[in-house]
């Protein structure tokens, strides 16, 4: 786990850092878009949600976009791992 994802913030602090109302962050927690305690990774997710909703994406669309983003990150990590394995075999 990275240092950024280990940092913990309260809902009020997270809301302030992300330019959101605390009630909005609580709603996103209730919807399952982020989980408490909030980490640095969750703050990045809150900022991403803010950008998407500012573009007019509803929460169902936000949920789909976040899921796709997580899948892309997992696939990129898998590709990096496979490339490392290939490099070991080639050497």
Protein backbone atom coordinates (compact mmCIF):
# COMPACT_ATOMS: atom_id res chain seq x y z
CA UNK A 1 0.00 0.00 0.00
CA UNK A 2 1.38 3.42 -0.90
CA UNK A 3 1.93 6.20 1.61
CA UNK A 4 -0.76 8.29 -0.11
CA UNK A 5 -3.41 5.62 0.36
CA UNK A 6 -2.53 5.18 4.06
CA UNK A 7 -3.18 8.77 5.09
CA UNK A 8 -6.54 9.14 6.78
CA UNK A 9 -8.80 12.20 6.69
CA UNK A 10 -12.10 13.01 8.36
CA UNK A 11 -15.09 13.73 6.18
CA UNK A 12 -14.84 17.44 6.99
CA UNK A 13 -11.14 17.61 6.09
CA UNK A 14 -11.68 15.53 2.95
CA UNK A 15 -14.55 17.78 1.87
CA UNK A 16 -12.44 20.91 2.37
CA UNK A 17 -9.47 19.45 0.47
CA UNK A 18 -11.66 18.35 -2.42
CA UNK A 19 -13.85 21.43 -2.70
CA UNK A 20 -17.01 19.61 -1.67
CA UNK A 21 -19.57 20.03 1.09
CA UNK A 22 -19.25 17.59 4.00
CA UNK A 23 -22.84 16.46 3.36
CA UNK A 24 -21.88 15.60 -0.22
CA UNK A 25 -18.95 13.48 0.94
CA UNK A 26 -21.25 11.72 3.44
CA UNK A 27 -23.66 11.00 0.57
CA UNK A 28 -20.83 9.50 -1.50
CA UNK A 29 -19.86 7.34 1.48
CA UNK A 30 -23.48 6.16 1.85
CA UNK A 31 -23.60 5.40 -1.90
CA UNK A 32 -20.42 3.34 -1.57
CA UNK A 33 -18.35 5.50 -3.92
CA UNK A 34 -15.74 5.95 -1.15
CA UNK A 35 -15.32 4.24 2.21
CA UNK A 36 -14.46 5.47 5.66
CA UNK A 37 -11.89 6.06 6.92
CA UNK A 38 -10.98 8.23 3.95
CA UNK A 39 -7.46 7.80 2.59
CA UNK A 40 -5.40 9.77 0.13
CA UNK A 41 -6.68 7.46 -2.60
CA UNK A 42 -10.24 8.29 -1.55
CA UNK A 43 -9.44 12.01 -1.79
CA UNK A 44 -8.32 11.47 -5.38
CA UNK A 45 -11.56 9.59 -6.01
CA UNK A 46 -13.58 12.44 -4.50
CA UNK A 47 -11.83 14.90 -6.82
CA UNK A 48 -12.58 12.62 -9.76
CA UNK A 49 -16.25 12.44 -8.70
CA UNK A 50 -16.36 16.24 -8.43
CA UNK A 51 -14.99 16.62 -11.98
CA UNK A 52 -17.41 14.05 -13.40
CA UNK A 53 -20.47 15.54 -11.72
CA UNK A 54 -19.39 19.02 -12.86
CA UNK A 55 -19.49 17.63 -16.39
CA UNK A 56 -23.07 16.50 -15.80
CA UNK A 57 -22.47 12.81 -15.10
CA UNK A 58 -25.01 11.40 -12.64
CA UNK A 59 -23.96 9.16 -9.73
CA UNK A 60 -24.78 5.96 -11.64
CA UNK A 61 -22.45 7.12 -14.42
CA UNK A 62 -19.83 8.12 -11.86
CA UNK A 63 -19.97 4.63 -10.36
CA UNK A 64 -19.42 3.07 -13.78
CA UNK A 65 -16.56 5.46 -14.59
CA UNK A 66 -14.85 4.71 -11.25
CA UNK A 67 -15.23 0.97 -11.80
CA UNK A 68 -13.70 1.27 -15.27
CA UNK A 69 -10.85 3.40 -13.87
CA UNK A 70 -10.08 0.74 -11.24
CA UNK A 71 -10.13 -1.99 -13.90
CA UNK A 72 -7.71 -0.02 -16.08
CA UNK A 73 -5.34 0.46 -13.13
CA UNK A 74 -5.48 -3.28 -12.35
CA UNK A 75 -4.77 -4.16 -15.98
CA UNK A 76 -1.87 -1.71 -16.13
CA UNK A 77 -0.39 -3.30 -12.99
CA UNK A 78 -0.80 -6.74 -14.53
CA UNK A 79 0.91 -5.63 -17.74
CA UNK A 80 3.81 -4.17 -15.73
CA UNK A 81 4.11 -7.43 -13.79
CA UNK A 82 4.10 -9.50 -16.98
CA UNK A 83 6.71 -7.24 -18.56
CA UNK A 84 8.92 -7.73 -15.52
CA UNK A 85 8.54 -11.49 -15.83
CA UNK A 86 9.41 -11.35 -19.53
CA UNK A 87 12.51 -9.29 -18.72
CA UNK A 88 13.60 -11.95 -16.21
CA UNK A 89 13.17 -14.74 -18.75
CA UNK A 90 14.94 -12.87 -21.55
CA UNK A 91 18.02 -12.04 -19.46
